[in-house]
Amino acid sequence: MTLIVDLIIFLVIGLVAGAIASFYMGRQQELVPNLITGTVGAFIGGFIAKLLGLTAYNVIGEVVVATIGAIICLFIWQRVRGT
């Protein structure tokens, strides 16, 4: 039961982070691209935070870390696509 709840919380955090990142980067995305961007951003942000020795203690911190990762993800995606 706890695993399912943790997965749902992770997906909600990813969705929120993806929506914030797409708004910040000036992109208009649908629900699924925001979810994908946010979850990939959560992994990227978590990896970078771990390298820097930072940790997120609550949901707000996790959203911040995931949003930073999602912004990096969108920035890289825009450079690869040339838009």
PDB file of N, CA and C in Angstrom:
ATOM      1  N   MET A   1       0.818  -1.201   0.000  1.00  0.00           N
ATOM      2  CA  MET A   1       0.000   0.000   0.000  1.00  0.00           C
ATOM      3  C   MET A   1       0.856   1.257   0.000  1.00  0.00           C
ATOM      4  N   THR A   2       1.918   1.251   0.783  1.00  0.00           N
ATOM      5  CA  THR A   2       2.783   2.425   0.871  1.00  0.00           C
ATOM      6  C   THR A   2       3.480   2.699  -0.451  1.00  0.00           C
ATOM      7  N   LEU A   3       3.843   1.656  -1.176  1.00  0.00           N
ATOM      8  CA  LEU A   3       4.503   1.829  -2.466  1.00  0.00           C
ATOM      9  C   LEU A   3       3.598   2.534  -3.464  1.00  0.00           C
ATOM     10  N   ILE A   4       2.335   2.187  -3.467  1.00  0.00           N
ATOM     11  CA  ILE A   4       1.378   2.812  -4.382  1.00  0.00           C
ATOM     12  C   ILE A   4       1.191   4.280  -4.029  1.00  0.00           C
ATOM     13  N   VAL A   5       1.090   4.582  -2.745  1.00  0.00           N
ATOM     14  CA  VAL A   5       0.935   5.976  -2.301  1.00  0.00           C
ATOM     15  C   VAL A   5       2.181   6.775  -2.654  1.00  0.00           C
ATOM     16  N   ASP A   6       3.372   6.200  -2.445  1.00  0.00           N
ATOM     17  CA  ASP A   6       4.615   6.886  -2.797  1.00  0.00           C
ATOM     18  C   ASP A   6       4.700   7.150  -4.292  1.00  0.00           C
ATOM     19  N   LEU A   7       4.258   6.200  -5.107  1.00  0.00           N
ATOM     20  CA  LEU A   7       4.263   6.381  -6.552  1.00  0.00           C
ATOM     21  C   LEU A   7       3.305   7.492  -6.968  1.00  0.00           C
ATOM     22  N   ILE A   8       2.142   7.534  -6.368  1.00  0.00           N
ATOM     23  CA  ILE A   8       1.170   8.592  -6.686  1.00  0.00           C
ATOM     24  C   ILE A   8       1.720   9.956  -6.285  1.00  0.00           C
ATOM     25  N   ILE A   9       2.336  10.043  -5.118  1.00  0.00           N
ATOM     26  CA  ILE A   9       2.926  11.311  -4.675  1.00  0.00           C
ATOM     27  C   ILE A   9       4.042  11.728  -5.620  1.00  0.00           C
ATOM     28  N   PHE A  10       4.876  10.777  -6.047  1.00  0.00           N
ATOM     29  CA  PHE A  10       5.966  11.075  -6.985  1.00  0.00           C
ATOM     30  C   PHE A  10       5.413  11.601  -8.309  1.00  0.00           C
ATOM     31  N   LEU A  11       4.352  10.995  -8.810  1.00  0.00           N
ATOM     32  CA  LEU A  11       3.758  11.437 -10.068  1.00  0.00           C
ATOM     33  C   LEU A  11       3.118  12.816  -9.939  1.00  0.00           C
ATOM     34  N   VAL A  12       2.482  13.091  -8.804  1.00  0.00           N
ATOM     35  CA  VAL A  12       1.892  14.416  -8.583  1.00  0.00           C
ATOM     36  C   VAL A  12       2.988  15.472  -8.496  1.00  0.00           C
ATOM     37  N   ILE A  13       4.075  15.160  -7.796  1.00  0.00           N
ATOM     38  CA  ILE A  13       5.206  16.093  -7.715  1.00  0.00           C
ATOM     39  C   ILE A  13       5.789  16.322  -9.102  1.00  0.00           C
ATOM     40  N   GLY A  14       5.918  15.265  -9.888  1.00  0.00           N
ATOM     41  CA  GLY A  14       6.413  15.400 -11.256  1.00  0.00           C
ATOM     42  C   GLY A  14       5.500  16.244 -12.118  1.00  0.00           C
ATOM     43  N   LEU A  15       4.201  16.067 -11.959  1.00  0.00           N
ATOM     44  CA  LEU A  15       3.235  16.848 -12.731  1.00  0.00           C
ATOM     45  C   LEU A  15       3.315  18.329 -12.369  1.00  0.00           C
ATOM     46  N   VAL A  16       3.382  18.615 -11.093  1.00  0.00           N
ATOM     47  CA  VAL A  16       3.484  20.013 -10.638  1.00  0.00           C
ATOM     48  C   VAL A  16       4.798  20.626 -11.119  1.00  0.00           C
ATOM     49  N   ALA A  17       5.895  19.891 -10.974  1.00  0.00           N
ATOM     50  CA  ALA A  17       7.202  20.399 -11.403  1.00  0.00           C
ATOM     51  C   ALA A  17       7.236  20.622 -12.910  1.00  0.00           C
ATOM     52  N   GLY A  18       6.656  19.714 -13.676  1.00  0.00           N
ATOM     53  CA  GLY A  18       6.608  19.878 -15.126  1.00  0.00           C
ATOM     54  C   GLY A  18       5.783  21.076 -15.541  1.00  0.00           C
ATOM     55  N   ALA A  19       4.670  21.295 -14.860  1.00  0.00           N
ATOM     56  CA  ALA A  19       3.822  22.450 -15.173  1.00  0.00           C
ATOM     57  C   ALA A  19       4.533  23.761 -14.843  1.00  0.00           C
ATOM     58  N   ILE A  20       5.204  23.810 -13.703  1.00  0.00           N
ATOM     59  CA  ILE A  20       5.940  25.024 -13.326  1.00  0.00           C
ATOM     60  C   ILE A  20       7.085  25.274 -14.298  1.00  0.00           C
ATOM     61  N   ALA A  21       7.812  24.223 -14.652  1.00  0.00           N
ATOM     62  CA  ALA A  21       8.944  24.372 -15.568  1.00  0.00           C
ATOM     63  C   ALA A  21       8.490  24.806 -16.955  1.00  0.00           C
ATOM     64  N   SER A  22       7.406  24.224 -17.451  1.00  0.00           N
ATOM     65  CA  SER A  22       6.935  24.619 -18.780  1.00  0.00           C
ATOM     66  C   SER A  22       6.428  26.056 -18.769  1.00  0.00           C
ATOM     67  N   PHE A  23       5.801  26.488 -17.682  1.00  0.00           N
ATOM     68  CA  PHE A  23       5.371  27.883 -17.563  1.00  0.00           C
ATOM     69  C   PHE A  23       6.583  28.806 -17.533  1.00  0.00           C
ATOM     70  N   TYR A  24       7.604  28.432 -16.759  1.00  0.00           N
ATOM     71  CA  TYR A  24       8.811  29.251 -16.631  1.00  0.00           C
ATOM     72  C   TYR A  24       9.556  29.348 -17.960  1.00  0.00           C
ATOM     73  N   MET A  25       9.583  28.264 -18.719  1.00  0.00           N
ATOM     74  CA  MET A  25      10.305  28.251 -19.994  1.00  0.00           C
ATOM     75  C   MET A  25       9.455  28.791 -21.147  1.00  0.00           C
ATOM     76  N   GLY A  26       8.220  29.190 -20.865  1.00  0.00           N
ATOM     77  CA  GLY A  26       7.366  29.791 -21.882  1.00  0.00           C
ATOM     78  C   GLY A  26       6.792  28.795 -22.867  1.00  0.00           C
ATOM     79  N   ARG A  27       6.594  27.565 -22.438  1.00  0.00           N
ATOM     80  CA  ARG A  27       6.031  26.520 -23.296  1.00  0.00           C
ATOM     81  C   ARG A  27       4.618  26.209 -22.842  1.00  0.00           C
ATOM     82  N   GLN A  28       3.776  25.866 -23.788  1.00  0.00           N
ATOM     83  CA  GLN A  28       2.420  25.435 -23.465  1.00  0.00           C
ATOM     84  C   GLN A  28       2.350  23.940 -23.732  1.00  0.00           C
ATOM     85  N   GLN A  29       2.257  23.153 -22.675  1.00  0.00           N
ATOM     86  CA  GLN A  29       2.240  21.710 -22.814  1.00  0.00           C
ATOM     87  C   GLN A  29       0.966  21.139 -22.226  1.00  0.00           C
ATOM     88  N   GLU A  30       0.639  19.962 -22.654  1.00  0.00           N
ATOM     89  CA  GLU A  30      -0.519  19.234 -22.147  1.00  0.00           C
ATOM     90  C   GLU A  30      -0.146  18.516 -20.853  1.00  0.00           C
ATOM     91  N   LEU A  31      -1.066  17.734 -20.348  1.00  0.00           N
ATOM     92  CA  LEU A  31      -0.882  17.026 -19.089  1.00  0.00           C
ATOM     93  C   LEU A  31       0.230  15.981 -19.166  1.00  0.00           C
ATOM     94  N   VAL A  32       0.207  15.138 -20.177  1.00  0.00           N
ATOM     95  CA  VAL A  32       1.175  14.038 -20.272  1.00  0.00           C
ATOM     96  C   VAL A  32       2.603  14.552 -20.497  1.00  0.00           C
ATOM     97  N   PRO A  33       2.851  15.507 -21.413  1.00  0.00           N
ATOM     98  CA  PRO A  33       4.220  16.025 -21.527  1.00  0.00           C
ATOM     99  C   PRO A  33       4.713  16.692 -20.246  1.00  0.00           C
ATOM    100  N   ASN A  34       3.826  17.372 -19.526  1.00  0.00           N
ATOM    101  CA  ASN A  34       4.224  17.953 -18.244  1.00  0.00           C
ATOM    102  C   ASN A  34       4.603  16.859 -17.252  1.00  0.00           C
ATOM    103  N   LEU A  35       3.841  15.787 -17.240  1.00  0.00           N
ATOM    104  CA  LEU A  35       4.126  14.670 -16.345  1.00  0.00           C
ATOM    105  C   LEU A  35       5.467  14.029 -16.684  1.00  0.00           C
ATOM    106  N   ILE A  36       5.713  13.796 -17.958  1.00  0.00           N
ATOM    107  CA  ILE A  36       6.978  13.190 -18.373  1.00  0.00           C
ATOM    108  C   ILE A  36       8.148  14.113 -18.069  1.00  0.00           C
ATOM    109  N   THR A  37       7.999  15.395 -18.397  1.00  0.00           N
ATOM    110  CA  THR A  37       9.063  16.362 -18.125  1.00  0.00           C
ATOM    111  C   THR A  37       9.345  16.456 -16.632  1.00  0.00           C
ATOM    112  N   GLY A  38       8.307  16.478 -15.832  1.00  0.00           N
ATOM    113  CA  GLY A  38       8.484  16.588 -14.392  1.00  0.00           C
ATOM    114  C   GLY A  38       9.117  15.361 -13.766  1.00  0.00           C
ATOM    115  N   THR A  39       8.749  14.175 -14.228  1.00  0.00           N
ATOM    116  CA  THR A  39       9.341  12.971 -13.648  1.00  0.00           C
ATOM    117  C   THR A  39      10.794  12.811 -14.085  1.00  0.00           C
ATOM    118  N   VAL A  40      11.084  13.113 -15.345  1.00  0.00           N
ATOM    119  CA  VAL A  40      12.489  13.098 -15.781  1.00  0.00           C
ATOM    120  C   VAL A  40      13.266  14.176 -15.034  1.00  0.00           C
ATOM    121  N   GLY A  41      12.636  15.330 -14.855  1.00  0.00           N
ATOM    122  CA  GLY A  41      13.268  16.408 -14.099  1.00  0.00           C
ATOM    123  C   GLY A  41      13.519  16.041 -12.650  1.00  0.00           C
ATOM    124  N   ALA A  42      12.644  15.241 -12.075  1.00  0.00           N
ATOM    125  CA  ALA A  42      12.850  14.798 -10.693  1.00  0.00           C
ATOM    126  C   ALA A  42      14.103  13.935 -10.594  1.00  0.00           C
ATOM    127  N   PHE A  43      14.314  13.073 -11.577  1.00  0.00           N
ATOM    128  CA  PHE A  43      15.528  12.260 -11.580  1.00  0.00           C
ATOM    129  C   PHE A  43      16.770  13.111 -11.804  1.00  0.00           C
ATOM    130  N   ILE A  44      16.705  14.031 -12.762  1.00  0.00           N
ATOM    131  CA  ILE A  44      17.848  14.900 -13.048  1.00  0.00           C
ATOM    132  C   ILE A  44      18.141  15.801 -11.854  1.00  0.00           C
ATOM    133  N   GLY A  45      17.107  16.437 -11.312  1.00  0.00           N
ATOM    134  CA  GLY A  45      17.286  17.317 -10.157  1.00  0.00           C
ATOM    135  C   GLY A  45      17.788  16.568  -8.939  1.00  0.00           C
ATOM    136  N   GLY A  46      17.268  15.367  -8.724  1.00  0.00           N
ATOM    137  CA  GLY A  46      17.734  14.554  -7.605  1.00  0.00           C
ATOM    138  C   GLY A  46      19.182  14.159  -7.752  1.00  0.00           C
ATOM    139  N   PHE A  47      19.588  13.830  -8.973  1.00  0.00           N
ATOM    140  CA  PHE A  47      20.980  13.466  -9.226  1.00  0.00           C
ATOM    141  C   PHE A  47      21.903  14.652  -8.976  1.00  0.00           C
ATOM    142  N   ILE A  48      21.516  15.823  -9.481  1.00  0.00           N
ATOM    143  CA  ILE A  48      22.338  17.027  -9.288  1.00  0.00           C
ATOM    144  C   ILE A  48      22.383  17.415  -7.809  1.00  0.00           C
ATOM    145  N   ALA A  49      21.250  17.332  -7.135  1.00  0.00           N
ATOM    146  CA  ALA A  49      21.223  17.661  -5.701  1.00  0.00           C
ATOM    147  C   ALA A  49      22.107  16.700  -4.913  1.00  0.00           C
ATOM    148  N   LYS A  50      22.086  15.433  -5.285  1.00  0.00           N
ATOM    149  CA  LYS A  50      22.923  14.437  -4.610  1.00  0.00           C
ATOM    150  C   LYS A  50      24.400  14.735  -4.841  1.00  0.00           C
ATOM    151  N   LEU A  51      24.748  15.164  -6.066  1.00  0.00           N
ATOM    152  CA  LEU A  51      26.135  15.521  -6.353  1.00  0.00           C
ATOM    153  C   LEU A  51      26.596  16.724  -5.530  1.00  0.00           C
ATOM    154  N   LEU A  52      25.676  17.655  -5.299  1.00  0.00           N
ATOM    155  CA  LEU A  52      25.998  18.849  -4.525  1.00  0.00           C
ATOM    156  C   LEU A  52      25.876  18.634  -3.020  1.00  0.00           C
ATOM    157  N   GLY A  53      25.399  17.471  -2.620  1.00  0.00           N
ATOM    158  CA  GLY A  53      25.245  17.169  -1.205  1.00  0.00           C
ATOM    159  C   GLY A  53      24.001  17.774  -0.585  1.00  0.00           C
ATOM    160  N   LEU A  54      22.996  18.061  -1.399  1.00  0.00           N
ATOM    161  CA  LEU A  54      21.751  18.654  -0.914  1.00  0.00           C
ATOM    162  C   LEU A  54      20.678  17.585  -0.798  1.00  0.00           C
ATOM    163  N   THR A  55      19.744  17.790   0.115  1.00  0.00           N
ATOM    164  CA  THR A  55      18.611  16.889   0.248  1.00  0.00           C
ATOM    165  C   THR A  55      17.329  17.706   0.371  1.00  0.00           C
ATOM    166  N   ALA A  56      16.231  17.114  -0.057  1.00  0.00           N
ATOM    167  CA  ALA A  56      14.911  17.736   0.064  1.00  0.00           C
ATOM    168  C   ALA A  56      14.176  17.031   1.198  1.00  0.00           C
ATOM    169  N   TYR A  57      13.767  17.789   2.190  1.00  0.00           N
ATOM    170  CA  TYR A  57      13.175  17.192   3.383  1.00  0.00           C
ATOM    171  C   TYR A  57      11.662  17.070   3.350  1.00  0.00           C
ATOM    172  N   ASN A  58      11.006  17.870   2.539  1.00  0.00           N
ATOM    173  CA  ASN A  58       9.546  17.807   2.504  1.00  0.00           C
ATOM    174  C   ASN A  58       9.060  17.927   1.062  1.00  0.00           C
ATOM    175  N   VAL A  59       7.782  17.979   0.887  1.00  0.00           N
ATOM    176  CA  VAL A  59       7.206  18.005  -0.457  1.00  0.00           C
ATOM    177  C   VAL A  59       7.609  19.274  -1.202  1.00  0.00           C
ATOM    178  N   ILE A  60       7.670  20.397  -0.506  1.00  0.00           N
ATOM    179  CA  ILE A  60       8.065  21.658  -1.146  1.00  0.00           C
ATOM    180  C   ILE A  60       9.485  21.537  -1.692  1.00  0.00           C
ATOM    181  N   GLY A  61      10.386  20.996  -0.905  1.00  0.00           N
ATOM    182  CA  GLY A  61      11.761  20.804  -1.357  1.00  0.00           C
ATOM    183  C   GLY A  61      11.851  19.863  -2.537  1.00  0.00           C
ATOM    184  N   GLU A  62      11.044  18.810  -2.517  1.00  0.00           N
ATOM    185  CA  GLU A  62      11.035  17.870  -3.631  1.00  0.00           C
ATOM    186  C   GLU A  62      10.508  18.523  -4.900  1.00  0.00           C
ATOM    187  N   VAL A  63       9.492  19.371  -4.772  1.00  0.00           N
ATOM    188  CA  VAL A  63       8.966  20.087  -5.938  1.00  0.00           C
ATOM    189  C   VAL A  63      10.013  21.046  -6.481  1.00  0.00           C
ATOM    190  N   VAL A  64      10.740  21.733  -5.606  1.00  0.00           N
ATOM    191  CA  VAL A  64      11.784  22.662  -6.046  1.00  0.00           C
ATOM    192  C   VAL A  64      12.883  21.914  -6.795  1.00  0.00           C
ATOM    193  N   VAL A  65      13.349  20.813  -6.234  1.00  0.00           N
ATOM    194  CA  VAL A  65      14.406  20.027  -6.876  1.00  0.00           C
ATOM    195  C   VAL A  65      13.919  19.479  -8.212  1.00  0.00           C
ATOM    196  N   ALA A  66      12.694  18.956  -8.255  1.00  0.00           N
ATOM    197  CA  ALA A  66      12.145  18.420  -9.498  1.00  0.00           C
ATOM    198  C   ALA A  66      11.932  19.519 -10.532  1.00  0.00           C
ATOM    199  N   THR A  67      11.531  20.704 -10.101  1.00  0.00           N
ATOM    200  CA  THR A  67      11.324  21.815 -11.025  1.00  0.00           C
ATOM    201  C   THR A  67      12.644  22.261 -11.641  1.00  0.00           C
ATOM    202  N   ILE A  68      13.680  22.345 -10.829  1.00  0.00           N
ATOM    203  CA  ILE A  68      15.003  22.708 -11.361  1.00  0.00           C
ATOM    204  C   ILE A  68      15.459  21.669 -12.380  1.00  0.00           C
ATOM    205  N   GLY A  69      15.276  20.410 -12.057  1.00  0.00           N
ATOM    206  CA  GLY A  69      15.626  19.362 -13.004  1.00  0.00           C
ATOM    207  C   GLY A  69      14.796  19.420 -14.275  1.00  0.00           C
ATOM    208  N   ALA A  70      13.508  19.734 -14.151  1.00  0.00           N
ATOM    209  CA  ALA A  70      12.640  19.835 -15.325  1.00  0.00           C
ATOM    210  C   ALA A  70      13.021  21.031 -16.192  1.00  0.00           C
ATOM    211  N   ILE A  71      13.426  22.126 -15.577  1.00  0.00           N
ATOM    212  CA  ILE A  71      13.889  23.287 -16.347  1.00  0.00           C
ATOM    213  C   ILE A  71      15.144  22.927 -17.114  1.00  0.00           C
ATOM    214  N   ILE A  72      16.060  22.217 -16.476  1.00  0.00           N
ATOM    215  CA  ILE A  72      17.268  21.763 -17.162  1.00  0.00           C
ATOM    216  C   ILE A  72      16.895  20.824 -18.310  1.00  0.00           C
ATOM    217  N   CYS A  73      15.958  19.933 -18.068  1.00  0.00           N
ATOM    218  CA  CYS A  73      15.495  18.998 -19.093  1.00  0.00           C
ATOM    219  C   CYS A  73      14.895  19.740 -20.285  1.00  0.00           C
ATOM    220  N   LEU A  74      14.036  20.720 -20.035  1.00  0.00           N
ATOM    221  CA  LEU A  74      13.429  21.492 -21.118  1.00  0.00           C
ATOM    222  C   LEU A  74      14.462  22.332 -21.852  1.00  0.00           C
ATOM    223  N   PHE A  75      15.432  22.878 -21.128  1.00  0.00           N
ATOM    224  CA  PHE A  75      16.490  23.669 -21.746  1.00  0.00           C
ATOM    225  C   PHE A  75      17.297  22.810 -22.712  1.00  0.00           C
ATOM    226  N   ILE A  76      17.676  21.617 -22.276  1.00  0.00           N
ATOM    227  CA  ILE A  76      18.428  20.700 -23.132  1.00  0.00           C
ATOM    228  C   ILE A  76      17.577  20.288 -24.334  1.00  0.00           C
ATOM    229  N   TRP A  77      16.296  19.992 -24.092  1.00  0.00           N
ATOM    230  CA  TRP A  77      15.402  19.583 -25.181  1.00  0.00           C
ATOM    231  C   TRP A  77      15.254  20.680 -26.223  1.00  0.00           C
ATOM    232  N   GLN A  78      15.157  21.945 -25.775  1.00  0.00           N
ATOM    233  CA  GLN A  78      15.044  23.048 -26.718  1.00  0.00           C
ATOM    234  C   GLN A  78      16.322  23.214 -27.537  1.00  0.00           C
ATOM    235  N   ARG A  79      17.467  22.982 -26.924  1.00  0.00           N
ATOM    236  CA  ARG A  79      18.734  23.112 -27.649  1.00  0.00           C
ATOM    237  C   ARG A  79      18.913  21.971 -28.647  1.00  0.00           C
ATOM    238  N   VAL A  80      18.469  20.781 -28.293  1.00  0.00           N
ATOM    239  CA  VAL A  80      18.589  19.646 -29.211  1.00  0.00           C
ATOM    240  C   VAL A  80      17.666  19.829 -30.408  1.00  0.00           C
ATOM    241  N   ARG A  81      16.453  20.275 -30.156  1.00  0.00           N
ATOM    242  CA  ARG A  81      15.484  20.464 -31.243  1.00  0.00           C
ATOM    243  C   ARG A  81      15.726  21.730 -32.019  1.00  0.00           C
ATOM    244  N   GLY A  82      16.460  22.677 -31.450  1.00  0.00           N
ATOM    245  CA  GLY A  82      16.769  23.921 -32.149  1.00  0.00           C
ATOM    246  C   GLY A  82      15.645  24.928 -32.127  1.00  0.00           C
ATOM    247  N   THR A  83      14.764  24.841 -31.121  1.00  0.00           N
ATOM    248  CA  THR A  83      13.648  25.800 -31.035  1.00  0.00           C
ATOM    249  C   THR A  83      13.922  26.864 -30.017  1.00  0.00           C
TER     250      THR A  83
END
